[in-house]
Amino acid sequence: MTNDTMPDTTTETWVAVGPAGAVGTIHRAADGFRVELYGRRGPGGTYPSLQSAKGAVHKAMGPLADRPEFHAH
């Protein structure tokens, strides 16, 4: 089950899970949503919306990667 359709306004952390396991996290920050990527997938960053942060995680996975699932924690 993914958390892609509706932004969760009470959750502070989302874990991105791809076919090979966890690929990163998104944390709510005062200035937006901070992305932390695991391994050498590229730099993280802060994004103005949850949707744009999810898109950044997906893009960092590479051009042929399926969109990861995002689990609220």
PDB file of N, CA and C in Angstrom:
ATOM      1  N   MET A   1       0.846  -1.180   0.000  1.00  0.00           N
ATOM      2  CA  MET A   1       0.000   0.000   0.000  1.00  0.00           C
ATOM      3  C   MET A   1       0.885   1.233   0.000  1.00  0.00           C
ATOM      4  N   THR A   2       0.582   2.174  -0.840  1.00  0.00           N
ATOM      5  CA  THR A   2       1.392   3.383  -0.903  1.00  0.00           C
ATOM      6  C   THR A   2       0.670   4.550  -0.268  1.00  0.00           C
ATOM      7  N   ASN A   3       1.431   5.563   0.051  1.00  0.00           N
ATOM      8  CA  ASN A   3       0.896   6.789   0.633  1.00  0.00           C
ATOM      9  C   ASN A   3       1.104   7.916  -0.378  1.00  0.00           C
ATOM     10  N   ASP A   4       0.728   7.674  -1.648  1.00  0.00           N
ATOM     11  CA  ASP A   4       1.001   8.632  -2.709  1.00  0.00           C
ATOM     12  C   ASP A   4      -0.143   9.585  -2.990  1.00  0.00           C
ATOM     13  N   THR A   5      -1.360   9.216  -2.707  1.00  0.00           N
ATOM     14  CA  THR A   5      -2.490   9.998  -3.171  1.00  0.00           C
ATOM     15  C   THR A   5      -2.805  11.191  -2.285  1.00  0.00           C
ATOM     16  N   MET A   6      -2.749  11.042  -1.011  1.00  0.00           N
ATOM     17  CA  MET A   6      -3.097  12.136  -0.103  1.00  0.00           C
ATOM     18  C   MET A   6      -1.913  12.444   0.814  1.00  0.00           C
ATOM     19  N   PRO A   7      -1.525  13.689   0.904  1.00  0.00           N
ATOM     20  CA  PRO A   7      -0.473  14.034   1.856  1.00  0.00           C
ATOM     21  C   PRO A   7      -0.951  13.782   3.280  1.00  0.00           C
ATOM     22  N   ASP A   8      -0.119  13.201   4.079  1.00  0.00           N
ATOM     23  CA  ASP A   8      -0.450  12.927   5.470  1.00  0.00           C
ATOM     24  C   ASP A   8       0.076  14.083   6.300  1.00  0.00           C
ATOM     25  N   THR A   9      -0.811  14.891   6.835  1.00  0.00           N
ATOM     26  CA  THR A   9      -0.388  16.107   7.534  1.00  0.00           C
ATOM     27  C   THR A   9       0.007  15.858   8.984  1.00  0.00           C
ATOM     28  N   THR A  10      -0.130  14.626   9.479  1.00  0.00           N
ATOM     29  CA  THR A  10       0.247  14.362  10.858  1.00  0.00           C
ATOM     30  C   THR A  10       1.544  13.580  10.966  1.00  0.00           C
ATOM     31  N   THR A  11       2.001  12.967   9.891  1.00  0.00           N
ATOM     32  CA  THR A  11       3.206  12.148   9.908  1.00  0.00           C
ATOM     33  C   THR A  11       4.439  13.018   9.735  1.00  0.00           C
ATOM     34  N   GLU A  12       5.501  12.653  10.382  1.00  0.00           N
ATOM     35  CA  GLU A  12       6.744  13.406  10.298  1.00  0.00           C
ATOM     36  C   GLU A  12       7.795  12.698   9.459  1.00  0.00           C
ATOM     37  N   THR A  13       7.656  11.391   9.225  1.00  0.00           N
ATOM     38  CA  THR A  13       8.655  10.622   8.483  1.00  0.00           C
ATOM     39  C   THR A  13       7.976   9.629   7.560  1.00  0.00           C
ATOM     40  N   TRP A  14       8.533   9.500   6.346  1.00  0.00           N
ATOM     41  CA  TRP A  14       8.087   8.495   5.384  1.00  0.00           C
ATOM     42  C   TRP A  14       9.318   7.725   4.938  1.00  0.00           C
ATOM     43  N   VAL A  15       9.213   6.404   4.840  1.00  0.00           N
ATOM     44  CA  VAL A  15      10.304   5.565   4.357  1.00  0.00           C
ATOM     45  C   VAL A  15       9.966   5.144   2.939  1.00  0.00           C
ATOM     46  N   ALA A  16      10.916   5.343   2.024  1.00  0.00           N
ATOM     47  CA  ALA A  16      10.748   4.943   0.626  1.00  0.00           C
ATOM     48  C   ALA A  16      11.308   3.538   0.460  1.00  0.00           C
ATOM     49  N   VAL A  17      10.465   2.630  -0.049  1.00  0.00           N
ATOM     50  CA  VAL A  17      10.862   1.235  -0.195  1.00  0.00           C
ATOM     51  C   VAL A  17      10.725   0.830  -1.658  1.00  0.00           C
ATOM     52  N   GLY A  18      11.839   0.411  -2.249  1.00  0.00           N
ATOM     53  CA  GLY A  18      11.856  -0.078  -3.620  1.00  0.00           C
ATOM     54  C   GLY A  18      11.948  -1.589  -3.633  1.00  0.00           C
ATOM     55  N   PRO A  19      12.103  -2.194  -4.803  1.00  0.00           N
ATOM     56  CA  PRO A  19      12.170  -3.652  -4.913  1.00  0.00           C
ATOM     57  C   PRO A  19      13.313  -4.277  -4.109  1.00  0.00           C
ATOM     58  N   ALA A  20      14.404  -3.554  -3.938  1.00  0.00           N
ATOM     59  CA  ALA A  20      15.556  -4.098  -3.213  1.00  0.00           C
ATOM     60  C   ALA A  20      15.573  -3.692  -1.742  1.00  0.00           C
ATOM     61  N   GLY A  21      14.547  -2.997  -1.266  1.00  0.00           N
ATOM     62  CA  GLY A  21      14.491  -2.571   0.129  1.00  0.00           C
ATOM     63  C   GLY A  21      14.415  -1.062   0.261  1.00  0.00           C
ATOM     64  N   ALA A  22      14.694  -0.572   1.461  1.00  0.00           N
ATOM     65  CA  ALA A  22      14.596   0.866   1.742  1.00  0.00           C
ATOM     66  C   ALA A  22      15.637   1.640   0.937  1.00  0.00           C
ATOM     67  N   VAL A  23      15.210   2.735   0.311  1.00  0.00           N
ATOM     68  CA  VAL A  23      16.116   3.555  -0.498  1.00  0.00           C
ATOM     69  C   VAL A  23      16.332   4.942   0.090  1.00  0.00           C
ATOM     70  N   GLY A  24      15.496   5.346   1.048  1.00  0.00           N
ATOM     71  CA  GLY A  24      15.655   6.658   1.647  1.00  0.00           C
ATOM     72  C   GLY A  24      14.492   7.012   2.543  1.00  0.00           C
ATOM     73  N   THR A  25      14.558   8.217   3.086  1.00  0.00           N
ATOM     74  CA  THR A  25      13.491   8.712   3.947  1.00  0.00           C
ATOM     75  C   THR A  25      13.171  10.153   3.590  1.00  0.00           C
ATOM     76  N   ILE A  26      11.969  10.551   3.971  1.00  0.00           N
ATOM     77  CA  ILE A  26      11.542  11.940   3.860  1.00  0.00           C
ATOM     78  C   ILE A  26      11.110  12.366   5.253  1.00  0.00           C
ATOM     79  N   HIS A  27      11.605  13.515   5.700  1.00  0.00           N
ATOM     80  CA  HIS A  27      11.282  14.041   7.025  1.00  0.00           C
ATOM     81  C   HIS A  27      10.651  15.418   6.868  1.00  0.00           C
ATOM     82  N   ARG A  28       9.562  15.656   7.602  1.00  0.00           N
ATOM     83  CA  ARG A  28       8.974  16.992   7.623  1.00  0.00           C
ATOM     84  C   ARG A  28       9.948  17.924   8.341  1.00  0.00           C
ATOM     85  N   ALA A  29      10.217  19.074   7.752  1.00  0.00           N
ATOM     86  CA  ALA A  29      11.113  20.080   8.331  1.00  0.00           C
ATOM     87  C   ALA A  29      10.371  21.413   8.367  1.00  0.00           C
ATOM     88  N   ALA A  30      10.905  22.361   9.077  1.00  0.00           N
ATOM     89  CA  ALA A  30      10.264  23.674   9.193  1.00  0.00           C
ATOM     90  C   ALA A  30      10.140  24.364   7.836  1.00  0.00           C
ATOM     91  N   ASP A  31      11.086  24.099   6.938  1.00  0.00           N
ATOM     92  CA  ASP A  31      11.087  24.766   5.641  1.00  0.00           C
ATOM     93  C   ASP A  31      10.630  23.867   4.490  1.00  0.00           C
ATOM     94  N   GLY A  32      10.038  22.718   4.782  1.00  0.00           N
ATOM     95  CA  GLY A  32       9.552  21.820   3.733  1.00  0.00           C
ATOM     96  C   GLY A  32       9.730  20.370   4.116  1.00  0.00           C
ATOM     97  N   PHE A  33      10.169  19.574   3.160  1.00  0.00           N
ATOM     98  CA  PHE A  33      10.339  18.135   3.359  1.00  0.00           C
ATOM     99  C   PHE A  33      11.757  17.766   2.965  1.00  0.00           C
ATOM    100  N   ARG A  34      12.516  17.236   3.928  1.00  0.00           N
ATOM    101  CA  ARG A  34      13.929  16.915   3.731  1.00  0.00           C
ATOM    102  C   ARG A  34      14.075  15.469   3.293  1.00  0.00           C
ATOM    103  N   VAL A  35      14.800  15.258   2.193  1.00  0.00           N
ATOM    104  CA  VAL A  35      15.034  13.924   1.643  1.00  0.00           C
ATOM    105  C   VAL A  35      16.420  13.450   2.064  1.00  0.00           C
ATOM    106  N   GLU A  36      16.488  12.217   2.560  1.00  0.00           N
ATOM    107  CA  GLU A  36      17.764  11.557   2.854  1.00  0.00           C
ATOM    108  C   GLU A  36      17.780  10.270   2.047  1.00  0.00           C
ATOM    109  N   LEU A  37      18.790  10.117   1.202  1.00  0.00           N
ATOM    110  CA  LEU A  37      18.910   8.933   0.362  1.00  0.00           C
ATOM    111  C   LEU A  37      19.966   8.004   0.926  1.00  0.00           C
ATOM    112  N   TYR A  38      19.726   6.700   0.845  1.00  0.00           N
ATOM    113  CA  TYR A  38      20.680   5.708   1.344  1.00  0.00           C
ATOM    114  C   TYR A  38      21.652   5.332   0.243  1.00  0.00           C
ATOM    115  N   GLY A  39      22.875   5.028   0.599  1.00  0.00           N
ATOM    116  CA  GLY A  39      23.869   4.607  -0.386  1.00  0.00           C
ATOM    117  C   GLY A  39      24.353   5.768  -1.229  1.00  0.00           C
ATOM    118  N   ARG A  40      24.716   5.500  -2.450  1.00  0.00           N
ATOM    119  CA  ARG A  40      25.267   6.517  -3.355  1.00  0.00           C
ATOM    120  C   ARG A  40      24.273   6.873  -4.451  1.00  0.00           C
ATOM    121  N   ARG A  41      23.048   7.166  -4.072  1.00  0.00           N
ATOM    122  CA  ARG A  41      22.015   7.484  -5.057  1.00  0.00           C
ATOM    123  C   ARG A  41      21.954   8.969  -5.393  1.00  0.00           C
ATOM    124  N   GLY A  42      22.783   9.750  -4.781  1.00  0.00           N
ATOM    125  CA  GLY A  42      22.758  11.184  -5.056  1.00  0.00           C
ATOM    126  C   GLY A  42      22.455  11.974  -3.798  1.00  0.00           C
ATOM    127  N   PRO A  43      22.575  13.277  -3.911  1.00  0.00           N
ATOM    128  CA  PRO A  43      22.345  14.119  -2.733  1.00  0.00           C
ATOM    129  C   PRO A  43      20.861  14.199  -2.379  1.00  0.00           C
ATOM    130  N   GLY A  44      20.596  14.460  -1.137  1.00  0.00           N
ATOM    131  CA  GLY A  44      19.230  14.709  -0.697  1.00  0.00           C
ATOM    132  C   GLY A  44      18.897  16.168  -0.951  1.00  0.00           C
ATOM    133  N   GLY A  45      18.069  16.724  -0.123  1.00  0.00           N
ATOM    134  CA  GLY A  45      17.703  18.119  -0.272  1.00  0.00           C
ATOM    135  C   GLY A  45      16.392  18.390   0.428  1.00  0.00           C
ATOM    136  N   THR A  46      15.947  19.623   0.390  1.00  0.00           N
ATOM    137  CA  THR A  46      14.672  20.007   0.985  1.00  0.00           C
ATOM    138  C   THR A  46      13.751  20.486  -0.127  1.00  0.00           C
ATOM    139  N   TYR A  47      12.508  20.032  -0.085  1.00  0.00           N
ATOM    140  CA  TYR A  47      11.529  20.302  -1.132  1.00  0.00           C
ATOM    141  C   TYR A  47      10.293  20.952  -0.520  1.00  0.00           C
ATOM    142  N   PRO A  48       9.579  21.772  -1.296  1.00  0.00           N
ATOM    143  CA  PRO A  48       8.458  22.529  -0.742  1.00  0.00           C
ATOM    144  C   PRO A  48       7.215  21.689  -0.437  1.00  0.00           C
ATOM    145  N   SER A  49       7.088  20.519  -1.075  1.00  0.00           N
ATOM    146  CA  SER A  49       5.903  19.692  -0.833  1.00  0.00           C
ATOM    147  C   SER A  49       6.299  18.229  -0.706  1.00  0.00           C
ATOM    148  N   LEU A  50       5.414  17.463  -0.105  1.00  0.00           N
ATOM    149  CA  LEU A  50       5.651  16.023   0.039  1.00  0.00           C
ATOM    150  C   LEU A  50       5.719  15.366  -1.338  1.00  0.00           C
ATOM    151  N   GLN A  51       4.855  15.771  -2.246  1.00  0.00           N
ATOM    152  CA  GLN A  51       4.846  15.178  -3.588  1.00  0.00           C
ATOM    153  C   GLN A  51       6.161  15.437  -4.315  1.00  0.00           C
ATOM    154  N   SER A  52       6.705  16.639  -4.218  1.00  0.00           N
ATOM    155  CA  SER A  52       7.971  16.921  -4.892  1.00  0.00           C
ATOM    156  C   SER A  52       9.122  16.152  -4.247  1.00  0.00           C
ATOM    157  N   ALA A  53       9.077  15.957  -2.936  1.00  0.00           N
ATOM    158  CA  ALA A  53      10.103  15.164  -2.261  1.00  0.00           C
ATOM    159  C   ALA A  53      10.029  13.704  -2.706  1.00  0.00           C
ATOM    160  N   LYS A  54       8.816  13.172  -2.840  1.00  0.00           N
ATOM    161  CA  LYS A  54       8.660  11.796  -3.322  1.00  0.00           C
ATOM    162  C   LYS A  54       9.184  11.663  -4.743  1.00  0.00           C
ATOM    163  N   GLY A  55       8.922  12.664  -5.569  1.00  0.00           N
ATOM    164  CA  GLY A  55       9.435  12.654  -6.937  1.00  0.00           C
ATOM    165  C   GLY A  55      10.958  12.663  -6.975  1.00  0.00           C
ATOM    166  N   ALA A  56      11.586  13.404  -6.066  1.00  0.00           N
ATOM    167  CA  ALA A  56      13.042  13.464  -6.007  1.00  0.00           C
ATOM    168  C   ALA A  56      13.635  12.108  -5.628  1.00  0.00           C
ATOM    169  N   VAL A  57      13.003  11.425  -4.696  1.00  0.00           N
ATOM    170  CA  VAL A  57      13.471  10.084  -4.321  1.00  0.00           C
ATOM    171  C   VAL A  57      13.379   9.161  -5.522  1.00  0.00           C
ATOM    172  N   HIS A  58      12.246   9.182  -6.211  1.00  0.00           N
ATOM    173  CA  HIS A  58      12.053   8.323  -7.378  1.00  0.00           C
ATOM    174  C   HIS A  58      13.098   8.626  -8.448  1.00  0.00           C
ATOM    175  N   LYS A  59      13.323   9.878  -8.743  1.00  0.00           N
ATOM    176  CA  LYS A  59      14.300  10.264  -9.759  1.00  0.00           C
ATOM    177  C   LYS A  59      15.708   9.794  -9.390  1.00  0.00           C
ATOM    178  N   ALA A  60      16.056   9.861  -8.116  1.00  0.00           N
ATOM    179  CA  ALA A  60      17.389   9.443  -7.670  1.00  0.00           C
ATOM    180  C   ALA A  60      17.622   7.947  -7.848  1.00  0.00           C
ATOM    181  N   MET A  61      16.545   7.187  -7.969  1.00  0.00           N
ATOM    182  CA  MET A  61      16.679   5.740  -8.129  1.00  0.00           C
ATOM    183  C   MET A  61      17.128   5.349  -9.536  1.00  0.00           C
ATOM    184  N   GLY A  62      17.037   6.256 -10.493  1.00  0.00           N
ATOM    185  CA  GLY A  62      17.483   5.955 -11.847  1.00  0.00           C
ATOM    186  C   GLY A  62      16.334   5.982 -12.833  1.00  0.00           C
ATOM    187  N   PRO A  63      16.654   6.069 -14.129  1.00  0.00           N
ATOM    188  CA  PRO A  63      15.627   6.276 -15.148  1.00  0.00           C
ATOM    189  C   PRO A  63      14.656   5.118 -15.355  1.00  0.00           C
ATOM    190  N   LEU A  64      15.025   3.900 -15.055  1.00  0.00           N
ATOM    191  CA  LEU A  64      14.139   2.754 -15.296  1.00  0.00           C
ATOM    192  C   LEU A  64      13.511   2.191 -14.018  1.00  0.00           C
ATOM    193  N   ALA A  65      13.767   2.834 -12.900  1.00  0.00           N
ATOM    194  CA  ALA A  65      13.273   2.319 -11.621  1.00  0.00           C
ATOM    195  C   ALA A  65      11.772   2.541 -11.476  1.00  0.00           C
ATOM    196  N   ASP A  66      11.097   1.562 -10.898  1.00  0.00           N
ATOM    197  CA  ASP A  66       9.691   1.728 -10.530  1.00  0.00           C
ATOM    198  C   ASP A  66       9.612   2.702  -9.366  1.00  0.00           C
ATOM    199  N   ARG A  67       8.496   3.412  -9.276  1.00  0.00           N
ATOM    200  CA  ARG A  67       8.295   4.347  -8.165  1.00  0.00           C
ATOM    201  C   ARG A  67       8.251   3.557  -6.862  1.00  0.00           C
ATOM    202  N   PRO A  68       8.998   3.987  -5.847  1.00  0.00           N
ATOM    203  CA  PRO A  68       8.985   3.262  -4.574  1.00  0.00           C
ATOM    204  C   PRO A  68       7.657   3.485  -3.842  1.00  0.00           C
ATOM    205  N   GLU A  69       7.398   2.606  -2.896  1.00  0.00           N
ATOM    206  CA  GLU A  69       6.268   2.807  -1.977  1.00  0.00           C
ATOM    207  C   GLU A  69       6.753   3.701  -0.855  1.00  0.00           C
ATOM    208  N   PHE A  70       5.867   4.530  -0.337  1.00  0.00           N
ATOM    209  CA  PHE A  70       6.198   5.436   0.761  1.00  0.00           C
ATOM    210  C   PHE A  70       5.348   5.052   1.968  1.00  0.00           C
ATOM    211  N   HIS A  71       6.036   4.634   3.031  1.00  0.00           N
ATOM    212  CA  HIS A  71       5.353   4.189   4.246  1.00  0.00           C
ATOM    213  C   HIS A  71       5.492   5.253   5.325  1.00  0.00           C
ATOM    214  N   ALA A  72       4.370   5.735   5.825  1.00  0.00           N
ATOM    215  CA  ALA A  72       4.387   6.730   6.892  1.00  0.00           C
ATOM    216  C   ALA A  72       4.806   6.074   8.201  1.00  0.00           C
ATOM    217  N   HIS A  73       5.642   6.783   8.963  1.00  0.00           N
ATOM    218  CA  HIS A  73       6.078   6.302  10.273  1.00  0.00           C
ATOM    219  C   HIS A  73       5.895   7.395  11.287  1.00  0.00           C
TER     220      HIS A  73
END
